[in-house]
Amino acid sequence: MPPLDKELRPGSKRTSASWQDVWVAPFLRHLEQERRLSEYTVRNYNTAITRFLKRLESEHEWNGRLDSIGTREARDFVIEEQRRVSRVTLRNYVSGLNTFFRFWLKRASIERNPIDGIVLPKLPKKLPVFLTERQVLRLLEGPMRLLENESIEPLVAWRDRLVLELLYGAGFRVSELVNLTYGEVNLDEGVARIVGKGGKFRNCPLGKVAVVVLEKWRSEFASKTGYSDHVIVSNQGRKWSARQIQLLLKKYLSLAELPMDITPHKIRHSYATHLLDNGADLRLVQELLGHSKLSTTQIYTHVNLGRLKAVYDRSHPRA
């Protein structure tokens, strides 16, 4: 167990700075330096833990020791937070707390995880939002339409087309696309070997059109094409951010008169849905998407079922 200063001993005066230094700071360093989680995830976990421990201080006269926290205090926190935050946010809070207590459980600083057994409200099931194949085609045509009208320069047109082709043709997450390097791409095979969530490698077929566009981009417009150089870059050769990808997509959604709430991740939904629509095996789609659990991929079968039922309701005389 980490050494406790006098402010963390039972019956002694505490300060938030004390438990932050003793319990929270080492955990956050672990997330950043060892697990290499995103800044966004680390910030959310810190928010959850800080809210929980401050509530213990103010309402339960907490003595500053993790081994004094029980399931009752954790349950009280969940009940109280249900009135303040959404179910999704609440689940993120509990996930952060669970990871925090498991961290100290492995280091023998506590004997049990007070989050174990906590029951959370169920999330409403939402089917993925996606574009039809015809809508995707209109979206992908956008950069060349602007180039033909001389509204954008060739470099911008081909870079933008490459972004859209890779989002849809390879089903990349936006983070995977902005981090894609030439060393991860095998143009002869038409495949990219990328690192996805959890540091897992997977092979992503790019699609014939995306390969042609990428070859043209590399040979005619890219200033650096070394092993570690990023594929998607600005006019000045700097790596793009996820935000720049999102803004590019909004631009071409508007041009194609498509719903403006479509995100890069919903393009990924479209990719998966169209694969299944055209006969792809569910296990194969799971592998292509980089899902660790088949249940995550199975939601796309519900999309197809919903579409079948809608057609039946519209067309069958007994519907």
C-alpha atoms as a PDB file:
ATOM      1  CA  MET A   1       0.000   0.000   0.000  1.00  0.00           C
ATOM      2  CA  PRO A   2       1.323   3.511  -0.741  1.00  0.00           C
ATOM      3  CA  PRO A   3       2.654   5.329   2.329  1.00  0.00           C
ATOM      4  CA  LEU A   4      -0.029   7.491   3.910  1.00  0.00           C
ATOM      5  CA  ASP A   5       0.751  10.898   5.333  1.00  0.00           C
ATOM      6  CA  LYS A   6      -0.976  12.006   8.505  1.00  0.00           C
ATOM      7  CA  GLU A   7      -3.764  13.674   6.534  1.00  0.00           C
ATOM      8  CA  LEU A   8      -4.867  10.263   5.255  1.00  0.00           C
ATOM      9  CA  ARG A   9      -4.880   8.447   8.573  1.00  0.00           C
ATOM     10  CA  PRO A  10      -8.289   7.659  10.107  1.00  0.00           C
ATOM     11  CA  GLY A  11      -9.545  10.494  12.266  1.00  0.00           C
ATOM     12  CA  SER A  12      -7.062  13.013  10.878  1.00  0.00           C
ATOM     13  CA  LYS A  13      -7.786  16.117   8.855  1.00  0.00           C
ATOM     14  CA  ARG A  14      -7.714  15.529   5.090  1.00  0.00           C
ATOM     15  CA  THR A  15      -7.327  17.656   2.011  1.00  0.00           C
ATOM     16  CA  SER A  16      -8.282  16.868  -1.574  1.00  0.00           C
ATOM     17  CA  ALA A  17      -4.675  17.459  -2.571  1.00  0.00           C
ATOM     18  CA  SER A  18      -3.605  14.558  -0.333  1.00  0.00           C
ATOM     19  CA  TRP A  19      -5.750  11.840  -1.875  1.00  0.00           C
ATOM     20  CA  GLN A  20      -5.151  13.280  -5.320  1.00  0.00           C
ATOM     21  CA  ASP A  21      -1.410  12.808  -4.862  1.00  0.00           C
ATOM     22  CA  VAL A  22      -1.598   9.416  -3.163  1.00  0.00           C
ATOM     23  CA  TRP A  23      -4.367   7.647  -5.075  1.00  0.00           C
ATOM     24  CA  VAL A  24      -5.377   9.511  -8.223  1.00  0.00           C
ATOM     25  CA  ALA A  25      -2.096  10.816  -9.660  1.00  0.00           C
ATOM     26  CA  PRO A  26      -0.340   7.389  -9.840  1.00  0.00           C
ATOM     27  CA  PHE A  27      -3.412   5.905 -11.521  1.00  0.00           C
ATOM     28  CA  LEU A  28      -3.548   8.669 -14.143  1.00  0.00           C
ATOM     29  CA  ARG A  29       0.178   8.246 -14.854  1.00  0.00           C
ATOM     30  CA  HIS A  30      -0.485   4.541 -15.397  1.00  0.00           C
ATOM     31  CA  LEU A  31      -3.222   5.326 -17.920  1.00  0.00           C
ATOM     32  CA  GLU A  32      -1.081   7.843 -19.800  1.00  0.00           C
ATOM     33  CA  GLN A  33       2.345   6.222 -19.736  1.00  0.00           C
ATOM     34  CA  GLU A  34       1.704   2.475 -19.545  1.00  0.00           C
ATOM     35  CA  ARG A  35      -1.711   1.944 -21.115  1.00  0.00           C
ATOM     36  CA  ARG A  36      -1.331   4.977 -23.416  1.00  0.00           C
ATOM     37  CA  LEU A  37      -5.011   5.845 -23.305  1.00  0.00           C
ATOM     38  CA  SER A  38      -6.227   8.972 -25.038  1.00  0.00           C
ATOM     39  CA  GLU A  39      -6.212  12.336 -23.310  1.00  0.00           C
ATOM     40  CA  TYR A  40     -10.013  12.323 -23.587  1.00  0.00           C
ATOM     41  CA  THR A  41     -10.339   8.992 -21.715  1.00  0.00           C
ATOM     42  CA  VAL A  42      -7.874   9.993 -19.019  1.00  0.00           C
ATOM     43  CA  ARG A  43      -9.744  13.256 -18.456  1.00  0.00           C
ATOM     44  CA  ASN A  44     -13.093  11.474 -18.176  1.00  0.00           C
ATOM     45  CA  TYR A  45     -11.744   8.916 -15.705  1.00  0.00           C
ATOM     46  CA  ASN A  46     -10.227  11.695 -13.612  1.00  0.00           C
ATOM     47  CA  THR A  47     -13.574  13.509 -13.551  1.00  0.00           C
ATOM     48  CA  ALA A  48     -15.410  10.383 -12.378  1.00  0.00           C
ATOM     49  CA  ILE A  49     -12.921   9.558  -9.629  1.00  0.00           C
ATOM     50  CA  THR A  50     -12.690  13.133  -8.387  1.00  0.00           C
ATOM     51  CA  ARG A  51     -16.486  13.520  -8.226  1.00  0.00           C
ATOM     52  CA  PHE A  52     -16.784  10.273  -6.305  1.00  0.00           C
ATOM     53  CA  LEU A  53     -14.036  10.954  -3.767  1.00  0.00           C
ATOM     54  CA  LYS A  54     -15.147  14.549  -3.171  1.00  0.00           C
ATOM     55  CA  ARG A  55     -18.661  13.282  -2.486  1.00  0.00           C
ATOM     56  CA  LEU A  56     -17.240  10.837   0.059  1.00  0.00           C
ATOM     57  CA  GLU A  57     -15.429  13.710   1.764  1.00  0.00           C
ATOM     58  CA  SER A  58     -18.454  15.975   1.960  1.00  0.00           C
ATOM     59  CA  GLU A  59     -21.204  13.460   2.785  1.00  0.00           C
ATOM     60  CA  HIS A  60     -19.597  10.384   4.335  1.00  0.00           C
ATOM     61  CA  GLU A  61     -16.730  11.914   6.332  1.00  0.00           C
ATOM     62  CA  TRP A  62     -14.303   9.765   4.412  1.00  0.00           C
ATOM     63  CA  ASN A  63     -10.998   9.068   6.173  1.00  0.00           C
ATOM     64  CA  GLY A  64      -8.961   9.216   2.948  1.00  0.00           C
ATOM     65  CA  ARG A  65      -8.240   5.477   2.733  1.00  0.00           C
ATOM     66  CA  LEU A  66      -9.478   3.440  -0.237  1.00  0.00           C
ATOM     67  CA  ASP A  67      -9.858   0.312   1.895  1.00  0.00           C
ATOM     68  CA  SER A  68     -12.575   2.070   3.909  1.00  0.00           C
ATOM     69  CA  ILE A  69     -14.859   2.507   0.868  1.00  0.00           C
ATOM     70  CA  GLY A  70     -17.658  -0.027   0.583  1.00  0.00           C
ATOM     71  CA  THR A  71     -20.355  -0.986  -1.892  1.00  0.00           C
ATOM     72  CA  ARG A  72     -22.896   1.182  -0.074  1.00  0.00           C
ATOM     73  CA  GLU A  73     -20.936   4.364  -0.785  1.00  0.00           C
ATOM     74  CA  ALA A  74     -20.488   3.356  -4.418  1.00  0.00           C
ATOM     75  CA  ARG A  75     -24.194   2.580  -4.772  1.00  0.00           C
ATOM     76  CA  ASP A  76     -25.155   5.918  -3.198  1.00  0.00           C
ATOM     77  CA  PHE A  77     -22.947   7.701  -5.719  1.00  0.00           C
ATOM     78  CA  VAL A  78     -24.559   5.892  -8.662  1.00  0.00           C
ATOM     79  CA  ILE A  79     -28.080   6.662  -7.403  1.00  0.00           C
ATOM     80  CA  GLU A  80     -27.253  10.331  -6.916  1.00  0.00           C
ATOM     81  CA  GLU A  81     -25.531  10.707 -10.298  1.00  0.00           C
ATOM     82  CA  GLN A  82     -28.508   9.161 -12.107  1.00  0.00           C
ATOM     83  CA  ARG A  83     -30.390  12.372 -11.343  1.00  0.00           C
ATOM     84  CA  ARG A  84     -27.647  14.573 -12.811  1.00  0.00           C
ATOM     85  CA  VAL A  85     -26.127  12.877 -15.838  1.00  0.00           C
ATOM     86  CA  SER A  86     -27.215  10.718 -18.768  1.00  0.00           C
ATOM     87  CA  ARG A  87     -27.105   6.930 -18.624  1.00  0.00           C
ATOM     88  CA  VAL A  88     -24.181   6.898 -21.038  1.00  0.00           C
ATOM     89  CA  THR A  89     -22.191   9.324 -18.875  1.00  0.00           C
ATOM     90  CA  LEU A  90     -23.068   7.353 -15.747  1.00  0.00           C
ATOM     91  CA  ARG A  91     -21.734   4.175 -17.323  1.00  0.00           C
ATOM     92  CA  ASN A  92     -18.539   5.986 -18.284  1.00  0.00           C
ATOM     93  CA  TYR A  93     -18.170   7.173 -14.674  1.00  0.00           C
ATOM     94  CA  VAL A  94     -18.598   3.653 -13.318  1.00  0.00           C
ATOM     95  CA  SER A  95     -16.168   2.271 -15.900  1.00  0.00           C
ATOM     96  CA  GLY A  96     -13.574   4.799 -14.749  1.00  0.00           C
ATOM     97  CA  LEU A  97     -14.133   3.951 -11.092  1.00  0.00           C
ATOM     98  CA  ASN A  98     -13.989   0.231 -11.788  1.00  0.00           C
ATOM     99  CA  THR A  99     -10.649   0.633 -13.595  1.00  0.00           C
ATOM    100  CA  PHE A 100      -9.353   2.802 -10.730  1.00  0.00           C
ATOM    101  CA  PHE A 101     -10.209   0.296  -7.988  1.00  0.00           C
ATOM    102  CA  ARG A 102      -8.938  -2.651 -10.022  1.00  0.00           C
ATOM    103  CA  PHE A 103      -5.629  -0.789 -10.402  1.00  0.00           C
ATOM    104  CA  TRP A 104      -5.208  -0.551  -6.624  1.00  0.00           C
ATOM    105  CA  LEU A 105      -6.602  -4.042  -6.057  1.00  0.00           C
ATOM    106  CA  LYS A 106      -3.785  -5.503  -8.175  1.00  0.00           C
ATOM    107  CA  ARG A 107      -1.283  -3.562  -6.063  1.00  0.00           C
ATOM    108  CA  ALA A 108      -2.703  -5.010  -2.834  1.00  0.00           C
ATOM    109  CA  SER A 109      -3.745  -1.576  -1.570  1.00  0.00           C
ATOM    110  CA  ILE A 110      -7.351  -2.742  -1.174  1.00  0.00           C
ATOM    111  CA  GLU A 111      -8.892  -6.172  -0.652  1.00  0.00           C
ATOM    112  CA  ARG A 112     -12.062  -5.735  -2.700  1.00  0.00           C
ATOM    113  CA  ASN A 113     -13.493  -3.579  -5.453  1.00  0.00           C
ATOM    114  CA  PRO A 114     -16.510  -1.621  -4.124  1.00  0.00           C
ATOM    115  CA  ILE A 115     -17.824  -1.266  -7.699  1.00  0.00           C
ATOM    116  CA  ASP A 116     -18.342  -5.044  -8.027  1.00  0.00           C
ATOM    117  CA  GLY A 117     -22.041  -5.888  -8.096  1.00  0.00           C
ATOM    118  CA  ILE A 118     -23.242  -2.361  -8.835  1.00  0.00           C
ATOM    119  CA  VAL A 119     -26.311  -2.542 -11.082  1.00  0.00           C
ATOM    120  CA  LEU A 120     -26.624   0.179 -13.725  1.00  0.00           C
ATOM    121  CA  PRO A 121     -29.732   1.301 -15.625  1.00  0.00           C
ATOM    122  CA  LYS A 122     -29.968  -0.242 -19.068  1.00  0.00           C
ATOM    123  CA  LEU A 123     -29.147   1.845 -22.105  1.00  0.00           C
ATOM    124  CA  PRO A 124     -31.806   2.227 -24.778  1.00  0.00           C
ATOM    125  CA  LYS A 125     -30.862   0.184 -27.826  1.00  0.00           C
ATOM    126  CA  LYS A 126     -30.038   2.356 -30.808  1.00  0.00           C
ATOM    127  CA  LEU A 127     -29.443   0.990 -34.267  1.00  0.00           C
ATOM    128  CA  PRO A 128     -26.471   2.429 -36.165  1.00  0.00           C
ATOM    129  CA  VAL A 129     -27.200   5.316 -38.524  1.00  0.00           C
ATOM    130  CA  PHE A 130     -25.845   4.790 -42.027  1.00  0.00           C
ATOM    131  CA  LEU A 131     -26.039   6.005 -45.616  1.00  0.00           C
ATOM    132  CA  THR A 132     -27.435   3.981 -48.496  1.00  0.00           C
ATOM    133  CA  GLU A 133     -25.084   2.857 -51.243  1.00  0.00           C
ATOM    134  CA  ARG A 134     -26.516   5.496 -53.571  1.00  0.00           C
ATOM    135  CA  GLN A 135     -25.993   8.221 -50.954  1.00  0.00           C
ATOM    136  CA  VAL A 136     -22.391   7.120 -50.419  1.00  0.00           C
ATOM    137  CA  LEU A 137     -21.775   7.329 -54.157  1.00  0.00           C
ATOM    138  CA  ARG A 138     -23.014  10.943 -54.195  1.00  0.00           C
ATOM    139  CA  LEU A 139     -20.740  11.739 -51.270  1.00  0.00           C
ATOM    140  CA  LEU A 140     -17.666  10.196 -52.909  1.00  0.00           C
ATOM    141  CA  GLU A 141     -18.254  12.117 -56.144  1.00  0.00           C
ATOM    142  CA  GLY A 142     -17.992  15.471 -54.347  1.00  0.00           C
ATOM    143  CA  PRO A 143     -14.252  16.247 -54.671  1.00  0.00           C
ATOM    144  CA  MET A 144     -14.168  15.508 -58.402  1.00  0.00           C
ATOM    145  CA  ARG A 145     -17.284  17.633 -58.946  1.00  0.00           C
ATOM    146  CA  LEU A 146     -15.553  20.588 -57.328  1.00  0.00           C
ATOM    147  CA  LEU A 147     -12.387  19.943 -59.318  1.00  0.00           C
ATOM    148  CA  GLU A 148     -14.322  19.884 -62.583  1.00  0.00           C
ATOM    149  CA  ASN A 149     -15.907  23.223 -61.643  1.00  0.00           C
ATOM    150  CA  GLU A 150     -12.444  24.554 -60.759  1.00  0.00           C
ATOM    151  CA  SER A 151     -13.690  25.272 -57.244  1.00  0.00           C
ATOM    152  CA  ILE A 152     -10.683  23.591 -55.621  1.00  0.00           C
ATOM    153  CA  GLU A 153      -7.102  22.810 -56.604  1.00  0.00           C
ATOM    154  CA  PRO A 154      -6.120  19.307 -57.786  1.00  0.00           C
ATOM    155  CA  LEU A 155      -4.063  18.633 -54.634  1.00  0.00           C
ATOM    156  CA  VAL A 156      -7.051  19.395 -52.405  1.00  0.00           C
ATOM    157  CA  ALA A 157      -9.464  17.439 -54.603  1.00  0.00           C
ATOM    158  CA  TRP A 158      -7.375  14.271 -54.637  1.00  0.00           C
ATOM    159  CA  ARG A 159      -6.537  14.505 -50.930  1.00  0.00           C
ATOM    160  CA  ASP A 160     -10.222  14.963 -50.072  1.00  0.00           C
ATOM    161  CA  ARG A 161     -11.223  12.109 -52.334  1.00  0.00           C
ATOM    162  CA  LEU A 162      -8.618   9.892 -50.702  1.00  0.00           C
ATOM    163  CA  VAL A 163      -9.991  10.678 -47.241  1.00  0.00           C
ATOM    164  CA  LEU A 164     -13.539   9.759 -48.274  1.00  0.00           C
ATOM    165  CA  GLU A 165     -12.469   6.645 -50.169  1.00  0.00           C
ATOM    166  CA  LEU A 166     -10.479   5.332 -47.196  1.00  0.00           C
ATOM    167  CA  LEU A 167     -13.227   6.077 -44.669  1.00  0.00           C
ATOM    168  CA  TYR A 168     -15.734   4.103 -46.693  1.00  0.00           C
ATOM    169  CA  GLY A 169     -13.526   1.679 -48.645  1.00  0.00           C
ATOM    170  CA  ALA A 170     -11.502   0.483 -45.642  1.00  0.00           C
ATOM    171  CA  GLY A 171     -13.878   1.209 -42.769  1.00  0.00           C
ATOM    172  CA  PHE A 172     -11.197   3.078 -40.827  1.00  0.00           C
ATOM    173  CA  ARG A 173     -11.878   4.746 -37.528  1.00  0.00           C
ATOM    174  CA  VAL A 174     -11.006   8.426 -37.868  1.00  0.00           C
ATOM    175  CA  SER A 175      -8.073   7.991 -35.458  1.00  0.00           C
ATOM    176  CA  GLU A 176      -6.737   5.161 -37.612  1.00  0.00           C
ATOM    177  CA  LEU A 177      -6.991   7.280 -40.739  1.00  0.00           C
ATOM    178  CA  VAL A 178      -5.138  10.304 -39.362  1.00  0.00           C
ATOM    179  CA  ASN A 179      -2.373   8.036 -38.012  1.00  0.00           C
ATOM    180  CA  LEU A 180      -2.012   5.976 -41.212  1.00  0.00           C
ATOM    181  CA  THR A 181       1.557   5.954 -42.573  1.00  0.00           C
ATOM    182  CA  TYR A 182       2.996   4.752 -45.865  1.00  0.00           C
ATOM    183  CA  GLY A 183       4.828   1.999 -44.023  1.00  0.00           C
ATOM    184  CA  GLU A 184       1.492   0.460 -43.064  1.00  0.00           C
ATOM    185  CA  VAL A 185       0.231   0.332 -46.655  1.00  0.00           C
ATOM    186  CA  ASN A 186       0.951  -2.420 -49.169  1.00  0.00           C
ATOM    187  CA  LEU A 187      -0.323  -1.056 -52.477  1.00  0.00           C
ATOM    188  CA  ASP A 188       0.575  -4.233 -54.382  1.00  0.00           C
ATOM    189  CA  GLU A 189      -1.746  -6.201 -52.115  1.00  0.00           C
ATOM    190  CA  GLY A 190      -4.218  -3.340 -51.660  1.00  0.00           C
ATOM    191  CA  VAL A 191      -4.089  -3.774 -47.890  1.00  0.00           C
ATOM    192  CA  ALA A 192      -3.187  -1.629 -44.888  1.00  0.00           C
ATOM    193  CA  ARG A 193      -1.916  -3.209 -41.667  1.00  0.00           C
ATOM    194  CA  ILE A 194      -2.932  -0.858 -38.900  1.00  0.00           C
ATOM    195  CA  VAL A 195      -3.007  -0.653 -35.133  1.00  0.00           C
ATOM    196  CA  GLY A 196      -6.548  -0.344 -33.847  1.00  0.00           C
ATOM    197  CA  LYS A 197      -8.087  -0.099 -30.389  1.00  0.00           C
ATOM    198  CA  GLY A 198      -6.170  -1.799 -27.620  1.00  0.00           C
ATOM    199  CA  GLY A 199      -3.019  -1.900 -29.741  1.00  0.00           C
ATOM    200  CA  LYS A 200      -4.419  -4.738 -31.873  1.00  0.00           C
ATOM    201  CA  PHE A 201      -3.176  -5.173 -35.433  1.00  0.00           C
ATOM    202  CA  ARG A 202      -5.540  -5.934 -38.284  1.00  0.00           C
ATOM    203  CA  ASN A 203      -5.371  -6.066 -42.059  1.00  0.00           C
ATOM    204  CA  CYS A 204      -7.746  -3.734 -43.904  1.00  0.00           C
ATOM    205  CA  PRO A 205      -8.418  -4.208 -47.623  1.00  0.00           C
ATOM    206  CA  LEU A 206      -8.547  -0.722 -49.111  1.00  0.00           C
ATOM    207  CA  GLY A 207     -10.671  -1.348 -52.189  1.00  0.00           C
ATOM    208  CA  LYS A 208      -9.586  -0.988 -55.823  1.00  0.00           C
ATOM    209  CA  VAL A 209     -10.736   2.614 -56.165  1.00  0.00           C
ATOM    210  CA  ALA A 210      -9.010   3.709 -52.958  1.00  0.00           C
ATOM    211  CA  VAL A 211      -5.761   2.073 -54.114  1.00  0.00           C
ATOM    212  CA  VAL A 212      -5.867   3.953 -57.435  1.00  0.00           C
ATOM    213  CA  VAL A 213      -6.545   7.245 -55.658  1.00  0.00           C
ATOM    214  CA  LEU A 214      -3.791   6.600 -53.121  1.00  0.00           C
ATOM    215  CA  GLU A 215      -1.270   5.782 -55.862  1.00  0.00           C
ATOM    216  CA  LYS A 216      -2.089   9.034 -57.672  1.00  0.00           C
ATOM    217  CA  TRP A 217      -1.890  11.017 -54.435  1.00  0.00           C
ATOM    218  CA  ARG A 218       1.484   9.522 -53.537  1.00  0.00           C
ATOM    219  CA  SER A 219       3.032   9.926 -56.960  1.00  0.00           C
ATOM    220  CA  GLU A 220       1.731  13.385 -57.889  1.00  0.00           C
ATOM    221  CA  PHE A 221       0.920  15.338 -54.727  1.00  0.00           C
ATOM    222  CA  ALA A 222       2.527  13.927 -51.570  1.00  0.00           C
ATOM    223  CA  SER A 223       5.752  15.669 -50.612  1.00  0.00           C
ATOM    224  CA  LYS A 224       6.959  12.919 -48.232  1.00  0.00           C
ATOM    225  CA  THR A 225       6.275   9.218 -48.748  1.00  0.00           C
ATOM    226  CA  GLY A 226       8.753   7.583 -46.393  1.00  0.00           C
ATOM    227  CA  TYR A 227       7.948   4.620 -44.179  1.00  0.00           C
ATOM    228  CA  SER A 228       6.917   6.745 -41.190  1.00  0.00           C
ATOM    229  CA  ASP A 229       5.340   9.639 -43.131  1.00  0.00           C
ATOM    230  CA  HIS A 230       1.606  10.153 -42.715  1.00  0.00           C
ATOM    231  CA  VAL A 231      -0.667   9.603 -45.703  1.00  0.00           C
ATOM    232  CA  ILE A 232      -3.252  12.282 -44.940  1.00  0.00           C
ATOM    233  CA  VAL A 233      -1.537  15.652 -44.636  1.00  0.00           C
ATOM    234  CA  SER A 234      -2.250  19.340 -45.144  1.00  0.00           C
ATOM    235  CA  ASN A 235      -1.133  21.421 -48.109  1.00  0.00           C
ATOM    236  CA  GLN A 236       2.023  22.148 -46.113  1.00  0.00           C
ATOM    237  CA  GLY A 237       2.676  18.442 -45.440  1.00  0.00           C
ATOM    238  CA  ARG A 238       1.543  18.417 -41.802  1.00  0.00           C
ATOM    239  CA  LYS A 239      -0.426  15.520 -40.314  1.00  0.00           C
ATOM    240  CA  TRP A 240      -4.164  16.128 -40.177  1.00  0.00           C
ATOM    241  CA  SER A 241      -6.263  15.994 -37.023  1.00  0.00           C
ATOM    242  CA  ALA A 242      -9.529  14.139 -36.464  1.00  0.00           C
ATOM    243  CA  ARG A 243     -11.293  17.504 -36.396  1.00  0.00           C
ATOM    244  CA  GLN A 244     -10.058  18.314 -39.905  1.00  0.00           C
ATOM    245  CA  ILE A 245     -11.459  14.999 -41.160  1.00  0.00           C
ATOM    246  CA  GLN A 246     -14.811  15.801 -39.551  1.00  0.00           C
ATOM    247  CA  LEU A 247     -14.952  19.254 -41.150  1.00  0.00           C
ATOM    248  CA  LEU A 248     -14.038  17.820 -44.556  1.00  0.00           C
ATOM    249  CA  LEU A 249     -16.901  15.334 -44.271  1.00  0.00           C
ATOM    250  CA  LYS A 250     -19.370  18.105 -43.369  1.00  0.00           C
ATOM    251  CA  LYS A 251     -18.313  20.015 -46.480  1.00  0.00           C
ATOM    252  CA  TYR A 252     -19.076  17.120 -48.821  1.00  0.00           C
ATOM    253  CA  LEU A 253     -22.259  16.104 -47.003  1.00  0.00           C
ATOM    254  CA  SER A 254     -23.560  19.598 -47.661  1.00  0.00           C
ATOM    255  CA  LEU A 255     -22.498  19.423 -51.296  1.00  0.00           C
ATOM    256  CA  ALA A 256     -24.305  16.081 -51.746  1.00  0.00           C
ATOM    257  CA  GLU A 257     -27.385  17.333 -49.832  1.00  0.00           C
ATOM    258  CA  LEU A 258     -27.058  14.538 -47.275  1.00  0.00           C
ATOM    259  CA  PRO A 259     -27.878  14.637 -43.537  1.00  0.00           C
ATOM    260  CA  MET A 260     -25.381  16.838 -41.724  1.00  0.00           C
ATOM    261  CA  ASP A 261     -25.361  14.648 -38.618  1.00  0.00           C
ATOM    262  CA  ILE A 262     -23.407  11.948 -40.464  1.00  0.00           C
ATOM    263  CA  THR A 263     -19.991  11.498 -38.824  1.00  0.00           C
ATOM    264  CA  PRO A 264     -16.879   9.564 -39.873  1.00  0.00           C
ATOM    265  CA  HIS A 265     -18.001   6.775 -37.558  1.00  0.00           C
ATOM    266  CA  LYS A 266     -21.362   6.606 -39.326  1.00  0.00           C
ATOM    267  CA  ILE A 267     -19.485   6.168 -42.595  1.00  0.00           C
ATOM    268  CA  ARG A 268     -17.914   3.157 -40.868  1.00  0.00           C
ATOM    269  CA  HIS A 269     -21.435   1.960 -40.017  1.00  0.00           C
ATOM    270  CA  SER A 270     -22.309   2.287 -43.698  1.00  0.00           C
ATOM    271  CA  TYR A 271     -19.243   0.239 -44.633  1.00  0.00           C
ATOM    272  CA  ALA A 272     -20.256  -2.607 -42.310  1.00  0.00           C
ATOM    273  CA  THR A 273     -23.923  -2.531 -43.281  1.00  0.00           C
ATOM    274  CA  HIS A 274     -23.171  -2.652 -47.008  1.00  0.00           C
ATOM    275  CA  LEU A 275     -20.786  -5.574 -46.522  1.00  0.00           C
ATOM    276  CA  LEU A 276     -23.516  -7.584 -44.791  1.00  0.00           C
ATOM    277  CA  ASP A 277     -26.133  -6.475 -47.324  1.00  0.00           C
ATOM    278  CA  ASN A 278     -23.999  -7.988 -50.052  1.00  0.00           C
ATOM    279  CA  GLY A 279     -23.455 -11.333 -48.350  1.00  0.00           C
ATOM    280  CA  ALA A 280     -20.327 -10.909 -46.214  1.00  0.00           C
ATOM    281  CA  ASP A 281     -19.926 -13.305 -43.283  1.00  0.00           C
ATOM    282  CA  LEU A 282     -20.491 -11.739 -39.861  1.00  0.00           C
ATOM    283  CA  ARG A 283     -17.200 -13.088 -38.507  1.00  0.00           C
ATOM    284  CA  LEU A 284     -15.343 -11.585 -41.447  1.00  0.00           C
ATOM    285  CA  VAL A 285     -16.969  -8.201 -40.862  1.00  0.00           C
ATOM    286  CA  GLN A 286     -15.975  -8.448 -37.195  1.00  0.00           C
ATOM    287  CA  GLU A 287     -12.358  -8.982 -38.250  1.00  0.00           C
ATOM    288  CA  LEU A 288     -12.455  -6.142 -40.781  1.00  0.00           C
ATOM    289  CA  LEU A 289     -13.866  -3.718 -38.202  1.00  0.00           C
ATOM    290  CA  GLY A 290     -11.420  -4.793 -35.504  1.00  0.00           C
ATOM    291  CA  HIS A 291     -14.156  -5.614 -32.987  1.00  0.00           C
ATOM    292  CA  SER A 292     -12.941  -7.744 -30.072  1.00  0.00           C
ATOM    293  CA  LYS A 293     -16.450  -9.145 -29.475  1.00  0.00           C
ATOM    294  CA  LEU A 294     -18.839 -10.563 -32.040  1.00  0.00           C
ATOM    295  CA  SER A 295     -21.757  -9.025 -30.125  1.00  0.00           C
ATOM    296  CA  THR A 296     -20.483  -5.564 -31.104  1.00  0.00           C
ATOM    297  CA  THR A 297     -20.710  -6.500 -34.768  1.00  0.00           C
ATOM    298  CA  GLN A 298     -24.074  -8.247 -34.434  1.00  0.00           C
ATOM    299  CA  ILE A 299     -25.894  -4.927 -34.125  1.00  0.00           C
ATOM    300  CA  TYR A 300     -25.535  -4.588 -37.896  1.00  0.00           C
ATOM    301  CA  THR A 301     -27.630  -7.721 -38.370  1.00  0.00           C
ATOM    302  CA  HIS A 302     -30.421  -5.896 -36.519  1.00  0.00           C
ATOM    303  CA  VAL A 303     -30.116  -3.086 -39.041  1.00  0.00           C
ATOM    304  CA  ASN A 304     -30.662  -5.535 -41.872  1.00  0.00           C
ATOM    305  CA  LEU A 305     -33.563  -7.184 -40.054  1.00  0.00           C
ATOM    306  CA  GLY A 306     -35.185  -3.795 -39.512  1.00  0.00           C
ATOM    307  CA  ARG A 307     -34.893  -2.987 -43.200  1.00  0.00           C
ATOM    308  CA  LEU A 308     -36.389  -6.341 -44.182  1.00  0.00           C
ATOM    309  CA  LYS A 309     -39.337  -5.793 -41.867  1.00  0.00           C
ATOM    310  CA  ALA A 310     -39.884  -2.289 -43.251  1.00  0.00           C
ATOM    311  CA  VAL A 311     -39.993  -3.649 -46.807  1.00  0.00           C
ATOM    312  CA  TYR A 312     -42.391  -6.376 -45.705  1.00  0.00           C
ATOM    313  CA  ASP A 313     -44.677  -3.875 -43.973  1.00  0.00           C
ATOM    314  CA  ARG A 314     -44.781  -1.715 -47.097  1.00  0.00           C
ATOM    315  CA  SER A 315     -45.231  -4.514 -49.617  1.00  0.00           C
ATOM    316  CA  HIS A 316     -46.989  -7.568 -48.197  1.00  0.00           C
ATOM    317  CA  PRO A 317     -50.786  -7.730 -48.330  1.00  0.00           C
ATOM    318  CA  ARG A 318     -50.897  -9.454 -44.917  1.00  0.00           C
ATOM    319  CA  ALA A 319     -48.540  -7.000 -43.241  1.00  0.00           C
END
